Amino acid sequence: MLDAYIIDQIRKREEERRRIHERPALELPLEPEPPPDWEPDIEEEEEAPRVIVIDL
């Protein structure tokens, strides 16, 4: 009788431990959030590239 009680307590503790360890995995988001759309400034697109010429 005492053996059955001890075995039952061990089984309950193992089930509780499994439930606790599985919980964080269930809280993780299933899909990562998409990155925000990047739009360059209009001023950067219209500005010509700068070139420095050194005449020796």
PDB file of N, CA and C in Angstrom:
ATOM      1  N   MET A   1       0.829  -1.199   0.000  1.00  0.00           N
ATOM      2  CA  MET A   1       0.000   0.000   0.000  1.00  0.00           C
ATOM      3  C   MET A   1       0.867   1.255   0.000  1.00  0.00           C
ATOM      4  N   LEU A   2       1.868   1.272   0.865  1.00  0.00           N
ATOM      5  CA  LEU A   2       2.767   2.421   0.933  1.00  0.00           C
ATOM      6  C   LEU A   2       3.576   2.550  -0.352  1.00  0.00           C
ATOM      7  N   ASP A   3       3.953   1.415  -0.937  1.00  0.00           N
ATOM      8  CA  ASP A   3       4.701   1.444  -2.195  1.00  0.00           C
ATOM      9  C   ASP A   3       3.884   2.096  -3.311  1.00  0.00           C
ATOM     10  N   ALA A   4       2.596   1.770  -3.386  1.00  0.00           N
ATOM     11  CA  ALA A   4       1.729   2.355  -4.406  1.00  0.00           C
ATOM     12  C   ALA A   4       1.608   3.862  -4.209  1.00  0.00           C
ATOM     13  N   TYR A   5       1.523   4.301  -2.962  1.00  0.00           N
ATOM     14  CA  TYR A   5       1.439   5.732  -2.665  1.00  0.00           C
ATOM     15  C   TYR A   5       2.715   6.446  -3.104  1.00  0.00           C
ATOM     16  N   ILE A   6       3.869   5.868  -2.800  1.00  0.00           N
ATOM     17  CA  ILE A   6       5.151   6.481  -3.175  1.00  0.00           C
ATOM     18  C   ILE A   6       5.295   6.540  -4.692  1.00  0.00           C
ATOM     19  N   ILE A   7       4.937   5.464  -5.371  1.00  0.00           N
ATOM     20  CA  ILE A   7       5.007   5.436  -6.830  1.00  0.00           C
ATOM     21  C   ILE A   7       4.075   6.485  -7.426  1.00  0.00           C
ATOM     22  N   ASP A   8       2.874   6.633  -6.866  1.00  0.00           N
ATOM     23  CA  ASP A   8       1.920   7.628  -7.340  1.00  0.00           C
ATOM     24  C   ASP A   8       2.469   9.042  -7.152  1.00  0.00           C
ATOM     25  N   GLN A   9       3.100   9.311  -6.016  1.00  0.00           N
ATOM     26  CA  GLN A   9       3.675  10.633  -5.759  1.00  0.00           C
ATOM     27  C   GLN A   9       4.822  10.929  -6.734  1.00  0.00           C
ATOM     28  N   ILE A  10       5.650   9.942  -6.997  1.00  0.00           N
ATOM     29  CA  ILE A  10       6.752  10.124  -7.951  1.00  0.00           C
ATOM     30  C   ILE A  10       6.199  10.415  -9.337  1.00  0.00           C
ATOM     31  N   ARG A  11       5.158   9.683  -9.745  1.00  0.00           N
ATOM     32  CA  ARG A  11       4.546   9.888 -11.054  1.00  0.00           C
ATOM     33  C   ARG A  11       3.965  11.300 -11.163  1.00  0.00           C
ATOM     34  N   LYS A  12       3.288  11.769 -10.106  1.00  0.00           N
ATOM     35  CA  LYS A  12       2.715  13.117 -10.118  1.00  0.00           C
ATOM     36  C   LYS A  12       3.802  14.179 -10.229  1.00  0.00           C
ATOM     37  N   ARG A  13       4.910  13.988  -9.513  1.00  0.00           N
ATOM     38  CA  ARG A  13       6.013  14.955  -9.581  1.00  0.00           C
ATOM     39  C   ARG A  13       6.640  14.983 -10.969  1.00  0.00           C
ATOM     40  N   GLU A  14       6.795  13.812 -11.593  1.00  0.00           N
ATOM     41  CA  GLU A  14       7.351  13.763 -12.944  1.00  0.00           C
ATOM     42  C   GLU A  14       6.428  14.453 -13.943  1.00  0.00           C
ATOM     43  N   GLU A  15       5.116  14.234 -13.818  1.00  0.00           N
ATOM     44  CA  GLU A  15       4.166  14.891 -14.711  1.00  0.00           C
ATOM     45  C   GLU A  15       4.194  16.404 -14.522  1.00  0.00           C
ATOM     46  N   GLU A  16       4.287  16.866 -13.281  1.00  0.00           N
ATOM     47  CA  GLU A  16       4.359  18.300 -13.001  1.00  0.00           C
ATOM     48  C   GLU A  16       5.643  18.891 -13.581  1.00  0.00           C
ATOM     49  N   ARG A  17       6.747  18.176 -13.441  1.00  0.00           N
ATOM     50  CA  ARG A  17       8.021  18.650 -13.976  1.00  0.00           C
ATOM     51  C   ARG A  17       7.957  18.761 -15.497  1.00  0.00           C
ATOM     52  N   ARG A  18       7.366  17.770 -16.155  1.00  0.00           N
ATOM     53  CA  ARG A  18       7.224  17.825 -17.618  1.00  0.00           C
ATOM     54  C   ARG A  18       6.342  18.996 -18.034  1.00  0.00           C
ATOM     55  N   ARG A  19       5.259  19.210 -17.304  1.00  0.00           N
ATOM     56  CA  ARG A  19       4.342  20.301 -17.632  1.00  0.00           C
ATOM     57  C   ARG A  19       5.039  21.650 -17.488  1.00  0.00           C
ATOM     58  N   ILE A  20       5.843  21.805 -16.447  1.00  0.00           N
ATOM     59  CA  ILE A  20       6.557  23.067 -16.227  1.00  0.00           C
ATOM     60  C   ILE A  20       7.588  23.294 -17.326  1.00  0.00           C
ATOM     61  N   HIS A  21       8.306  22.249 -17.727  1.00  0.00           N
ATOM     62  CA  HIS A  21       9.344  22.410 -18.746  1.00  0.00           C
ATOM     63  C   HIS A  21       8.756  22.615 -20.135  1.00  0.00           C
ATOM     64  N   GLU A  22       7.566  22.147 -20.391  1.00  0.00           N
ATOM     65  CA  GLU A  22       6.956  22.316 -21.706  1.00  0.00           C
ATOM     66  C   GLU A  22       6.288  23.671 -21.856  1.00  0.00           C
ATOM     67  N   ARG A  23       5.964  24.324 -20.763  1.00  0.00           N
ATOM     68  CA  ARG A  23       5.228  25.581 -20.813  1.00  0.00           C
ATOM     69  C   ARG A  23       5.940  26.678 -21.614  1.00  0.00           C
ATOM     70  N   PRO A  24       7.254  26.943 -21.436  1.00  0.00           N
ATOM     71  CA  PRO A  24       7.881  28.022 -22.202  1.00  0.00           C
ATOM     72  C   PRO A  24       7.812  27.808 -23.708  1.00  0.00           C
ATOM     73  N   ALA A  25       7.893  26.572 -24.167  1.00  0.00           N
ATOM     74  CA  ALA A  25       7.829  26.314 -25.600  1.00  0.00           C
ATOM     75  C   ALA A  25       6.456  26.685 -26.153  1.00  0.00           C
ATOM     76  N   LEU A  26       5.417  26.531 -25.372  1.00  0.00           N
ATOM     77  CA  LEU A  26       4.080  26.869 -25.842  1.00  0.00           C
ATOM     78  C   LEU A  26       3.862  28.376 -25.881  1.00  0.00           C
ATOM     79  N   GLU A  27       4.623  29.135 -25.098  1.00  0.00           N
ATOM     80  CA  GLU A  27       4.445  30.580 -25.056  1.00  0.00           C
ATOM     81  C   GLU A  27       5.211  31.298 -26.165  1.00  0.00           C
ATOM     82  N   LEU A  28       6.110  30.612 -26.860  1.00  0.00           N
ATOM     83  CA  LEU A  28       6.873  31.250 -27.920  1.00  0.00           C
ATOM     84  C   LEU A  28       5.964  31.524 -29.114  1.00  0.00           C
ATOM     85  N   PRO A  29       6.178  32.625 -29.825  1.00  0.00           N
ATOM     86  CA  PRO A  29       5.362  32.889 -31.014  1.00  0.00           C
ATOM     87  C   PRO A  29       5.667  31.856 -32.095  1.00  0.00           C
ATOM     88  N   LEU A  30       4.655  31.477 -32.819  1.00  0.00           N
ATOM     89  CA  LEU A  30       4.839  30.456 -33.842  1.00  0.00           C
ATOM     90  C   LEU A  30       5.596  30.993 -35.051  1.00  0.00           C
ATOM     91  N   GLU A  31       5.328  32.257 -35.432  1.00  0.00           N
ATOM     92  CA  GLU A  31       6.003  32.855 -36.578  1.00  0.00           C
ATOM     93  C   GLU A  31       6.706  34.127 -36.122  1.00  0.00           C
ATOM     94  N   PRO A  32       7.938  34.358 -36.571  1.00  0.00           N
ATOM     95  CA  PRO A  32       8.602  35.610 -36.200  1.00  0.00           C
ATOM     96  C   PRO A  32       7.902  36.798 -36.850  1.00  0.00           C
ATOM     97  N   GLU A  33       7.984  37.942 -36.192  1.00  0.00           N
ATOM     98  CA  GLU A  33       7.344  39.133 -36.740  1.00  0.00           C
ATOM     99  C   GLU A  33       8.085  39.569 -37.999  1.00  0.00           C
ATOM    100  N   PRO A  34       7.367  39.993 -39.036  1.00  0.00           N
ATOM    101  CA  PRO A  34       8.048  40.443 -40.255  1.00  0.00           C
ATOM    102  C   PRO A  34       8.783  41.754 -39.986  1.00  0.00           C
ATOM    103  N   PRO A  35       9.921  41.971 -40.647  1.00  0.00           N
ATOM    104  CA  PRO A  35      10.647  43.229 -40.426  1.00  0.00           C
ATOM    105  C   PRO A  35       9.835  44.401 -40.963  1.00  0.00           C
ATOM    106  N   PRO A  36       9.977  45.571 -40.368  1.00  0.00           N
ATOM    107  CA  PRO A  36       9.225  46.728 -40.865  1.00  0.00           C
ATOM    108  C   PRO A  36       9.703  47.112 -42.262  1.00  0.00           C
ATOM    109  N   ASP A  37       8.792  47.639 -43.054  1.00  0.00           N
ATOM    110  CA  ASP A  37       9.145  48.059 -44.413  1.00  0.00           C
ATOM    111  C   ASP A  37      10.119  49.226 -44.341  1.00  0.00           C
ATOM    112  N   TRP A  38      11.213  49.133 -45.105  1.00  0.00           N
ATOM    113  CA  TRP A  38      12.216  50.192 -45.110  1.00  0.00           C
ATOM    114  C   TRP A  38      12.012  51.046 -46.340  1.00  0.00           C
ATOM    115  N   GLU A  39      11.839  52.330 -46.099  1.00  0.00           N
ATOM    116  CA  GLU A  39      11.675  53.267 -47.198  1.00  0.00           C
ATOM    117  C   GLU A  39      12.758  54.329 -47.076  1.00  0.00           C
ATOM    118  N   PRO A  40      13.668  54.413 -48.057  1.00  0.00           N
ATOM    119  CA  PRO A  40      14.720  55.437 -47.973  1.00  0.00           C
ATOM    120  C   PRO A  40      14.122  56.834 -48.117  1.00  0.00           C
ATOM    121  N   ASP A  41      14.799  57.800 -47.540  1.00  0.00           N
ATOM    122  CA  ASP A  41      14.334  59.181 -47.660  1.00  0.00           C
ATOM    123  C   ASP A  41      14.436  59.635 -49.108  1.00  0.00           C
ATOM    124  N   ILE A  42      13.513  60.483 -49.513  1.00  0.00           N
ATOM    125  CA  ILE A  42      13.505  60.990 -50.886  1.00  0.00           C
ATOM    126  C   ILE A  42      14.756  61.821 -51.146  1.00  0.00           C
ATOM    127  N   GLU A  43      15.203  62.574 -50.155  1.00  0.00           N
ATOM    128  CA  GLU A  43      16.386  63.413 -50.324  1.00  0.00           C
ATOM    129  C   GLU A  43      17.617  62.570 -50.640  1.00  0.00           C
ATOM    130  N   GLU A  44      17.738  61.425 -50.060  1.00  0.00           N
ATOM    131  CA  GLU A  44      18.892  60.577 -50.323  1.00  0.00           C
ATOM    132  C   GLU A  44      18.873  60.059 -51.761  1.00  0.00           C
ATOM    133  N   GLU A  45      17.717  59.788 -52.297  1.00  0.00           N
ATOM    134  CA  GLU A  45      17.632  59.287 -53.663  1.00  0.00           C
ATOM    135  C   GLU A  45      17.974  60.373 -54.678  1.00  0.00           C
ATOM    136  N   GLU A  46      17.593  61.623 -54.435  1.00  0.00           N
ATOM    137  CA  GLU A  46      17.801  62.706 -55.387  1.00  0.00           C
ATOM    138  C   GLU A  46      19.215  63.272 -55.330  1.00  0.00           C
ATOM    139  N   GLU A  47      19.925  63.054 -54.245  1.00  0.00           N
ATOM    140  CA  GLU A  47      21.257  63.621 -54.096  1.00  0.00           C
ATOM    141  C   GLU A  47      22.252  62.858 -54.970  1.00  0.00           C
ATOM    142  N   ALA A  48      23.038  63.614 -55.757  1.00  0.00           N
ATOM    143  CA  ALA A  48      24.031  62.998 -56.634  1.00  0.00           C
ATOM    144  C   ALA A  48      25.223  62.526 -55.805  1.00  0.00           C
ATOM    145  N   PRO A  49      25.905  61.499 -56.263  1.00  0.00           N
ATOM    146  CA  PRO A  49      27.086  61.054 -55.527  1.00  0.00           C
ATOM    147  C   PRO A  49      28.173  62.122 -55.567  1.00  0.00           C
ATOM    148  N   ARG A  50      28.893  62.261 -54.498  1.00  0.00           N
ATOM    149  CA  ARG A  50      29.934  63.281 -54.411  1.00  0.00           C
ATOM    150  C   ARG A  50      31.262  62.691 -54.887  1.00  0.00           C
ATOM    151  N   VAL A  51      31.926  63.449 -55.756  1.00  0.00           N
ATOM    152  CA  VAL A  51      33.213  63.022 -56.288  1.00  0.00           C
ATOM    153  C   VAL A  51      34.210  64.142 -56.044  1.00  0.00           C
ATOM    154  N   ILE A  52      35.360  63.821 -55.507  1.00  0.00           N
ATOM    155  CA  ILE A  52      36.407  64.813 -55.273  1.00  0.00           C
ATOM    156  C   ILE A  52      37.536  64.524 -56.255  1.00  0.00           C
ATOM    157  N   VAL A  53      37.883  65.543 -57.043  1.00  0.00           N
ATOM    158  CA  VAL A  53      38.960  65.398 -58.017  1.00  0.00           C
ATOM    159  C   VAL A  53      40.129  66.249 -57.549  1.00  0.00           C
ATOM    160  N   ILE A  54      41.289  65.651 -57.421  1.00  0.00           N
ATOM    161  CA  ILE A  54      42.493  66.380 -57.021  1.00  0.00           C
ATOM    162  C   ILE A  54      43.423  66.407 -58.231  1.00  0.00           C
ATOM    163  N   ASP A  55      43.675  67.618 -58.748  1.00  0.00           N
ATOM    164  CA  ASP A  55      44.534  67.781 -59.921  1.00  0.00           C
ATOM    165  C   ASP A  55      45.941  68.115 -59.446  1.00  0.00           C
ATOM    166  N   LEU A  56      46.875  67.270 -59.760  1.00  0.00           N
ATOM    167  CA  LEU A  56      48.254  67.506 -59.334  1.00  0.00           C
ATOM    168  C   LEU A  56      49.025  68.135 -60.414  1.00  0.00           C
TER     169      LEU A  56
END
